[in-house]
Amino acid sequence: MVRFISFTSPIAALLLLSFGVKHASTASTNTCIVANSDSDDAITIAEAFEKCKTGGTVVFPKDSSYQLNSIVTTSDLKNVNINFAGTIHLPAREESYRNGDYYIQIKGTHIKMYGGGTINGHGQAWYDALDHTAPSVLRIAANDSIIGGFTIINSPRAHLNVTNSTNLVLHDFTLHTVSNNSYLPKNTDALDLYHSSGITFRDSMLTIGDDCVAIKEDVEKVIVSNVTCRGGHGYSIGSLGIGGRKDYVKHVNFRNSTCIDCENGVRVKTWAGGKGIVEDINYNDIILQNVDNPILVTTHYCDPNVIEYCNGNDDNSLNISSIHFKDITGTASALGNPIVNVNCSIESPCSDITFSGIDITKASNTTDNVCVYLEGSDEVSECSS
């Protein structure tokens, strides 16, 4: 099933479909070239996917441009190629989009998406309004699929949101979101992962305003490699366990990646009062340049608006174990925070956290490393420096 969803005028959208809005042209039985609509290109995009959703190729030609005035949802795609060489413009900021899940959804099996196109999120209006409730740009729910080789700019919120996916490769993305004034992009994660297994994210360049990668609830078997992130909040596990929820993340490998001018480098963050496990997380060959918090593990993550809840549940969180930091190099920023900061909970202490090849140059004001409620910390050299 493929549909578009208009928040502003669903009746008008149906009338447009009924009275002959220009349909996606079909170059051959299994190729659907996306045309332009007279009012909302979400309509013709949806039509193209509907016609070619089984064994077809959907084409956004080079130099083509599409303006969305509603949300595009695709599902039940099977063995579909998406040649995305054009440009998609997301809708202008409207109240009706607040707290939505996504602007575009790609859902199905055996999907290949490529082509060098661009999605322009036009996020500046959201930044200027201090509104952090926009939908994610692209939600992916795909199995046995390969998606990448295109660009997302000016995202109003998260760039890529992956959920309920298995055996998915994400590659060669350029994600670039910056503000043109002092109102900075917020919650503009590059990649959020949920409820998925067997995910690879590689060979990508990120300039964003929040997590470079955020691996969230119920995710396992992830590889992140050859990614460069500028200005972000680091390569993160979490946050997990919000509101006492039971979550897990396990079997994750970050490697051969870089974080430049980032707030955090490599981190694990779980909420006070959360339940579940974080285990077998490996950070290898990571370069951190001018990073505020190079290596951070905390079970005390919280939002200011629920600080009373967090304070009342601060003694326990998820069980964090088998976290390995190897060959982490670079420089700390002049903010002065510790190179290593492991701060766990008294009733659920962290265990089996190891460090090797840590070579991060301190600033003149860098404070001592922190290891709180880490089992065996007396034998961890990083906990005494």
Protein backbone atom coordinates (compact mmCIF):
# COMPACT_ATOMS: atom_id res chain seq x y z
CA MET A 1 0.00 0.00 0.00
CA VAL A 2 1.20 3.50 -0.84
CA ARG A 3 -0.55 6.63 0.28
CA PHE A 4 -0.04 10.31 0.91
CA ILE A 5 -1.38 12.02 4.01
CA SER A 6 -2.39 15.66 3.98
CA PHE A 7 -2.80 17.39 7.30
CA THR A 8 -4.28 20.50 5.76
CA SER A 9 -6.83 19.45 3.18
CA PRO A 10 -7.50 15.72 2.79
CA ILE A 11 -10.74 16.33 0.86
CA ALA A 12 -8.99 18.59 -1.60
CA ALA A 13 -6.31 15.97 -2.07
CA LEU A 14 -8.91 13.32 -2.89
CA LEU A 15 -10.61 15.66 -5.35
CA LEU A 16 -7.31 16.30 -7.06
CA LEU A 17 -6.82 12.58 -7.49
CA SER A 18 -10.36 12.23 -8.86
CA PHE A 19 -10.09 15.07 -11.37
CA GLY A 20 -6.93 14.15 -13.16
CA VAL A 21 -3.86 15.49 -11.45
CA LYS A 22 -0.94 14.64 -13.74
CA HIS A 23 -0.03 11.02 -13.03
CA ALA A 24 3.41 9.49 -12.88
CA SER A 25 4.31 8.40 -16.38
CA THR A 26 5.30 4.81 -17.03
CA ALA A 27 8.28 4.40 -19.33
CA SER A 28 7.86 0.63 -19.42
CA THR A 29 5.92 -2.04 -17.59
CA ASN A 30 8.24 -1.94 -14.59
CA THR A 31 9.56 1.63 -14.67
CA CYS A 32 7.65 4.52 -13.14
CA ILE A 33 9.00 8.02 -13.69
CA VAL A 34 7.74 10.42 -11.06
CA ALA A 35 5.97 13.40 -12.63
CA ASN A 36 4.99 16.68 -11.04
CA SER A 37 1.56 17.45 -9.66
CA ASP A 38 -0.33 20.69 -10.12
CA SER A 39 -0.61 21.05 -6.34
CA ASP A 40 1.32 18.48 -4.30
CA ASP A 41 4.04 16.21 -5.61
CA ALA A 42 3.36 13.79 -2.75
CA ILE A 43 0.45 12.65 -4.93
CA THR A 44 2.51 11.69 -7.97
CA ILE A 45 5.26 10.19 -5.84
CA ALA A 46 2.67 7.95 -4.17
CA GLU A 47 1.23 6.98 -7.55
CA ALA A 48 4.63 5.99 -8.91
CA PHE A 49 5.36 3.76 -5.94
CA GLU A 50 1.92 2.18 -6.15
CA LYS A 51 2.40 1.28 -9.81
CA CYS A 52 5.92 -0.10 -9.36
CA LYS A 53 5.77 -1.50 -5.84
CA THR A 54 6.45 -5.08 -6.93
CA GLY A 55 9.56 -5.68 -9.01
CA GLY A 56 9.64 -2.19 -10.49
CA THR A 57 11.91 0.84 -10.67
CA VAL A 58 10.80 4.25 -9.44
CA VAL A 59 12.75 7.08 -11.07
CA PHE A 60 13.25 10.64 -9.85
CA PRO A 61 15.16 11.99 -12.88
CA LYS A 62 18.28 14.10 -12.56
CA ASP A 63 17.51 17.83 -12.30
CA SER A 64 13.88 17.11 -11.42
CA SER A 65 12.35 18.92 -8.43
CA TYR A 66 9.41 17.92 -6.24
CA GLN A 67 7.51 19.95 -3.66
CA LEU A 68 5.73 18.01 -0.93
CA ASN A 69 2.68 19.55 0.68
CA SER A 70 1.77 16.39 2.56
CA ILE A 71 3.43 13.26 3.87
CA VAL A 72 4.42 10.29 1.70
CA THR A 73 3.97 6.77 3.08
CA THR A 74 5.03 3.72 1.08
CA SER A 75 4.61 0.15 2.25
CA ASP A 76 4.59 -3.37 0.85
CA LEU A 77 7.45 -2.60 -1.52
CA LYS A 78 9.01 -5.79 -2.89
CA ASN A 79 12.13 -5.97 -5.05
CA VAL A 80 11.95 -2.27 -5.88
CA ASN A 81 14.74 -0.06 -7.21
CA ILE A 82 14.51 3.65 -6.40
CA ASN A 83 16.66 5.78 -8.69
CA PHE A 84 16.60 9.00 -6.73
CA ALA A 85 18.54 11.59 -8.74
CA GLY A 86 16.28 14.61 -8.28
CA THR A 87 15.48 16.95 -5.39
CA ILE A 88 12.59 16.65 -2.94
CA HIS A 89 11.55 19.72 -0.95
CA LEU A 90 9.74 19.06 2.32
CA PRO A 91 6.71 21.14 3.32
CA ALA A 92 7.01 24.49 5.01
CA ARG A 93 6.70 24.48 8.80
CA GLU A 94 3.09 24.16 9.94
CA GLU A 95 1.53 23.38 13.29
CA SER A 96 -0.14 20.33 11.77
CA TYR A 97 3.22 18.58 11.34
CA ARG A 98 4.28 18.94 14.98
CA ASN A 99 5.04 15.64 16.73
CA GLY A 100 4.59 13.69 13.51
CA ASP A 101 6.66 10.57 12.90
CA TYR A 102 8.10 11.30 9.46
CA TYR A 103 7.75 13.16 6.18
CA ILE A 104 8.66 10.21 3.94
CA GLN A 105 8.48 6.50 4.73
CA ILE A 106 10.12 3.72 2.73
CA LYS A 107 8.86 0.31 3.83
CA GLY A 108 9.28 -3.14 2.32
CA THR A 109 11.75 -5.85 1.40
CA HIS A 110 14.63 -6.08 -1.07
CA ILE A 111 14.74 -2.33 -1.75
CA LYS A 112 17.65 -0.60 -3.47
CA MET A 113 17.70 3.19 -3.27
CA TYR A 114 20.48 5.18 -4.93
CA GLY A 115 21.09 7.99 -7.39
CA GLY A 116 22.76 11.02 -5.79
CA GLY A 117 19.59 13.05 -5.18
CA THR A 118 18.83 15.52 -2.39
CA ILE A 119 16.10 15.95 0.20
CA ASN A 120 15.87 19.54 1.41
CA GLY A 121 14.19 19.68 4.81
CA HIS A 122 13.86 23.50 4.95
CA GLY A 123 14.45 23.31 8.67
CA GLN A 124 15.41 26.94 9.31
CA ALA A 125 11.82 27.95 10.10
CA TRP A 126 11.73 25.25 12.78
CA TYR A 127 15.04 26.42 14.28
CA ASP A 128 13.92 30.06 14.29
CA ALA A 129 10.68 29.12 16.08
CA LEU A 130 12.62 27.10 18.69
CA ASP A 131 10.31 24.26 17.71
CA HIS A 132 11.91 20.83 18.17
CA THR A 133 8.80 18.79 17.35
CA ALA A 134 9.13 18.34 13.58
CA PRO A 135 8.88 14.86 12.06
CA SER A 136 11.97 12.94 10.98
CA VAL A 137 12.85 13.42 7.34
CA LEU A 138 13.07 9.80 6.20
CA ARG A 139 11.77 6.74 8.03
CA ILE A 140 13.03 3.39 6.78
CA ALA A 141 11.44 0.07 7.70
CA ALA A 142 13.15 -2.35 5.34
CA ASN A 143 14.48 -5.87 5.27
CA ASP A 144 17.32 -7.18 3.09
CA SER A 145 17.79 -3.75 1.53
CA ILE A 146 20.53 -1.31 0.50
CA ILE A 147 19.83 2.42 0.73
CA GLY A 148 22.24 5.30 0.23
CA GLY A 149 24.21 7.51 -2.08
CA PHE A 150 22.15 10.66 -1.58
CA THR A 151 22.02 13.84 0.51
CA ILE A 152 19.75 15.34 3.16
CA ILE A 153 20.17 19.03 4.01
CA ASN A 154 18.55 21.45 6.46
CA SER A 155 16.74 18.74 8.37
CA PRO A 156 14.06 20.02 10.78
CA ARG A 157 14.63 17.02 13.05
CA ALA A 158 16.30 13.60 12.67
CA HIS A 159 17.61 12.86 9.19
CA LEU A 160 17.24 9.07 9.13
CA ASN A 161 14.92 7.06 11.36
CA VAL A 162 15.26 3.29 11.02
CA THR A 163 12.79 0.97 12.72
CA ASN A 164 11.66 -2.65 12.43
CA SER A 165 14.42 -3.43 9.94
CA THR A 166 16.74 -6.40 9.41
CA ASN A 167 19.76 -6.87 7.18
CA LEU A 168 19.85 -3.25 6.05
CA VAL A 169 22.87 -1.40 4.65
CA LEU A 170 22.94 2.40 4.78
CA HIS A 171 25.88 3.88 2.90
CA ASP A 172 27.43 6.96 1.33
CA PHE A 173 25.16 9.56 2.84
CA THR A 174 25.89 13.25 3.05
CA LEU A 175 23.84 14.79 5.84
CA HIS A 176 24.33 18.53 6.28
CA THR A 177 22.23 20.58 8.67
CA VAL A 178 23.38 23.95 9.98
CA SER A 179 21.59 27.16 10.92
CA ASN A 180 22.17 30.47 9.16
CA ASN A 181 21.82 32.34 12.47
CA SER A 182 22.20 31.83 16.23
CA TYR A 183 19.12 29.57 16.50
CA LEU A 184 20.77 26.17 16.30
CA PRO A 185 19.24 22.95 14.98
CA LYS A 186 18.04 20.72 17.83
CA ASN A 187 17.20 17.01 17.85
CA THR A 188 18.68 16.69 14.37
CA ASP A 189 20.24 13.26 14.84
CA ALA A 190 21.89 11.85 11.76
CA LEU A 191 20.65 8.30 12.34
CA ASP A 192 18.25 6.90 14.94
CA LEU A 193 17.86 3.12 15.21
CA TYR A 194 14.93 1.32 16.85
CA HIS A 195 13.72 -2.30 17.01
CA SER A 196 16.17 -3.55 14.39
CA SER A 197 18.87 -6.15 13.79
CA GLY A 198 21.71 -6.50 11.32
CA ILE A 199 22.20 -2.83 10.40
CA THR A 200 25.32 -1.39 8.74
CA PHE A 201 25.92 2.36 8.44
CA ARG A 202 29.09 3.26 6.57
CA ASP A 203 31.06 5.66 4.39
CA SER A 204 29.14 8.83 5.25
CA MET A 205 29.79 12.51 6.01
CA LEU A 206 27.68 14.17 8.69
CA THR A 207 27.35 17.79 9.79
CA ILE A 208 24.49 17.84 12.24
CA GLY A 209 23.18 19.29 15.51
CA ASP A 210 22.67 16.22 17.68
CA ASP A 211 23.74 12.56 17.85
CA CYS A 212 25.88 11.34 14.98
CA VAL A 213 24.33 7.94 15.59
CA ALA A 214 21.80 7.08 18.31
CA ILE A 215 21.18 3.37 18.82
CA LYS A 216 17.97 3.19 20.79
CA GLU A 217 15.61 0.57 22.12
CA ASP A 218 15.75 -3.11 21.18
CA VAL A 219 18.57 -3.05 18.64
CA GLU A 220 21.33 -5.60 18.05
CA LYS A 221 24.05 -6.51 15.55
CA VAL A 222 25.04 -3.07 14.28
CA ILE A 223 28.19 -1.93 12.47
CA VAL A 224 29.07 1.75 12.07
CA SER A 225 32.24 2.31 10.03
CA ASN A 226 34.09 5.03 8.13
CA VAL A 227 31.80 7.83 9.25
CA THR A 228 32.94 11.42 9.83
CA CYS A 229 30.75 13.62 12.03
CA ARG A 230 31.16 17.36 12.64
CA GLY A 231 29.54 19.35 15.41
CA GLY A 232 27.37 16.52 16.66
CA HIS A 233 26.73 14.86 20.00
CA GLY A 234 28.74 11.74 19.30
CA TYR A 235 28.35 8.06 18.55
CA SER A 236 25.76 7.08 21.13
CA ILE A 237 24.07 4.09 22.63
CA GLY A 238 20.76 5.46 23.86
CA SER A 239 19.17 7.08 25.43
CA LEU A 240 17.52 3.98 26.88
CA GLY A 241 15.08 3.20 29.69
CA ILE A 242 13.02 6.40 29.68
CA GLY A 243 10.18 6.31 32.20
CA GLY A 244 11.32 2.97 33.63
CA ARG A 245 10.98 1.21 30.27
CA LYS A 246 12.79 -2.10 29.67
CA ASP A 247 15.16 -1.82 26.69
CA TYR A 248 18.16 -3.62 25.28
CA VAL A 249 21.06 -2.89 22.95
CA LYS A 250 23.76 -5.46 22.24
CA HIS A 251 26.44 -6.54 19.76
CA VAL A 252 27.37 -3.12 18.36
CA ASN A 253 30.64 -2.17 16.67
CA PHE A 254 31.74 1.40 15.95
CA ARG A 255 35.02 1.54 14.03
CA ASN A 256 37.27 3.68 11.87
CA SER A 257 35.21 6.81 12.44
CA THR A 258 35.84 10.43 13.41
CA CYS A 259 34.09 13.08 15.49
CA ILE A 260 35.22 16.70 15.03
CA ASP A 261 34.15 19.58 17.31
CA CYS A 262 31.59 17.30 18.92
CA GLU A 263 29.92 17.75 22.30
CA ASN A 264 30.47 14.06 23.03
CA GLY A 265 32.71 11.52 21.39
CA VAL A 266 31.69 7.96 22.23
CA ARG A 267 29.02 7.48 24.86
CA VAL A 268 26.44 5.22 26.46
CA LYS A 269 23.45 6.98 28.05
CA THR A 270 20.63 5.38 30.02
CA TRP A 271 17.88 6.91 32.11
CA ALA A 272 17.65 6.74 35.86
CA GLY A 273 15.07 4.08 36.74
CA GLY A 274 15.35 2.30 33.41
CA LYS A 275 15.48 -1.48 33.02
CA GLY A 276 17.18 -3.86 30.62
CA ILE A 277 20.70 -4.46 29.34
CA VAL A 278 23.46 -2.86 27.31
CA GLU A 279 26.19 -5.33 26.43
CA ASP A 280 28.92 -6.15 23.92
CA ILE A 281 29.53 -2.61 22.67
CA ASN A 282 32.86 -1.99 20.93
CA TYR A 283 34.44 1.31 19.93
CA ASN A 284 37.59 0.71 17.85
CA ASP A 285 39.88 3.14 16.02
CA ILE A 286 37.90 6.30 16.70
CA ILE A 287 39.44 9.76 16.22
CA LEU A 288 38.06 12.56 18.40
CA GLN A 289 39.15 16.11 17.57
CA ASN A 290 38.34 18.97 19.97
CA VAL A 291 35.63 17.00 21.79
CA ASP A 292 34.05 18.17 25.06
CA ASN A 293 33.35 14.73 26.57
CA PRO A 294 35.54 12.18 24.78
CA ILE A 295 34.44 8.95 26.52
CA LEU A 296 31.22 9.00 28.51
CA VAL A 297 29.12 6.29 30.15
CA THR A 298 26.21 7.45 32.30
CA THR A 299 23.16 5.86 33.89
CA HIS A 300 21.87 9.26 35.01
CA TYR A 301 20.52 10.65 31.74
CA CYS A 302 17.48 12.85 32.24
CA ASP A 303 15.47 15.74 30.80
CA PRO A 304 15.08 18.85 32.96
CA ASN A 305 11.28 18.65 32.86
CA VAL A 306 11.27 15.29 34.70
CA ILE A 307 14.17 15.85 37.05
CA GLU A 308 12.11 14.91 40.13
CA TYR A 309 11.39 11.48 38.63
CA CYS A 310 15.06 10.97 37.83
CA ASN A 311 16.19 12.01 41.29
CA GLY A 312 13.74 9.58 42.85
CA ASN A 313 14.95 6.67 40.72
CA ASP A 314 18.63 7.47 40.49
CA ASP A 315 19.88 4.37 42.34
CA ASN A 316 19.22 1.99 39.46
CA SER A 317 19.21 1.80 35.68
CA LEU A 318 19.98 -0.64 32.89
CA ASN A 319 22.74 -3.21 33.42
CA ILE A 320 25.74 -2.04 31.39
CA SER A 321 28.51 -4.57 30.74
CA SER A 322 31.14 -5.61 28.22
CA ILE A 323 31.84 -2.14 26.83
CA HIS A 324 35.26 -1.91 25.17
CA PHE A 325 37.08 1.25 24.10
CA LYS A 326 40.16 0.53 21.97
CA ASP A 327 42.46 2.92 20.11
CA ILE A 328 40.52 6.09 20.82
CA THR A 329 42.77 9.03 19.90
CA GLY A 330 42.61 12.79 19.43
CA THR A 331 42.19 15.94 21.53
CA ALA A 332 39.88 17.18 24.26
CA SER A 333 38.34 20.63 24.06
CA ALA A 334 39.17 23.49 26.41
CA LEU A 335 35.90 22.93 28.28
CA GLY A 336 37.94 20.90 30.77
CA ASN A 337 35.78 17.80 31.20
CA PRO A 338 37.38 14.41 31.96
CA ILE A 339 38.73 12.28 29.14
CA VAL A 340 36.96 9.26 30.66
CA ASN A 341 33.73 9.68 32.62
CA VAL A 342 32.00 6.49 33.77
CA ASN A 343 29.17 7.27 36.20
CA CYS A 344 26.91 4.32 36.98
CA SER A 345 24.26 3.51 39.61
CA ILE A 346 24.72 2.10 43.09
CA GLU A 347 22.16 -0.70 42.65
CA SER A 348 23.12 -1.50 39.04
CA PRO A 349 26.86 -0.87 38.76
CA CYS A 350 28.59 -1.15 35.41
CA SER A 351 30.96 -4.06 34.78
CA ASP A 352 33.58 -5.22 32.31
CA ILE A 353 34.33 -1.81 30.84
CA THR A 354 37.82 -1.87 29.33
CA PHE A 355 40.18 0.68 27.82
CA SER A 356 43.23 0.17 25.62
CA GLY A 357 45.15 2.48 23.34
CA ILE A 358 43.48 5.62 24.72
CA ASP A 359 45.59 8.57 23.52
CA ILE A 360 43.62 11.79 23.82
CA THR A 361 45.54 14.99 24.45
CA LYS A 362 44.25 16.90 27.44
CA ALA A 363 43.59 20.62 27.57
CA SER A 364 45.37 22.62 30.24
CA ASN A 365 42.25 22.54 32.42
CA THR A 366 41.14 18.94 31.83
CA THR A 367 39.96 17.40 35.10
CA ASP A 368 40.70 13.91 36.38
CA ASN A 369 38.90 10.90 34.99
CA VAL A 370 35.76 9.70 36.77
CA CYS A 371 34.80 6.10 37.56
CA VAL A 372 31.75 5.77 39.81
CA TYR A 373 30.14 2.39 40.55
CA LEU A 374 32.27 0.60 37.99
CA GLU A 375 33.10 -2.89 39.20
CA GLY A 376 36.84 -3.53 39.27
CA SER A 377 37.70 0.13 38.81
CA ASP A 378 40.68 -0.26 41.16
CA GLU A 379 42.36 -2.31 38.44
CA VAL A 380 41.49 0.06 35.57
CA SER A 381 44.38 2.45 34.94
CA GLU A 382 42.10 5.06 33.35
CA CYS A 383 40.22 5.30 36.64
CA SER A 384 43.30 6.57 38.45
CA SER A 385 44.41 9.25 36.00
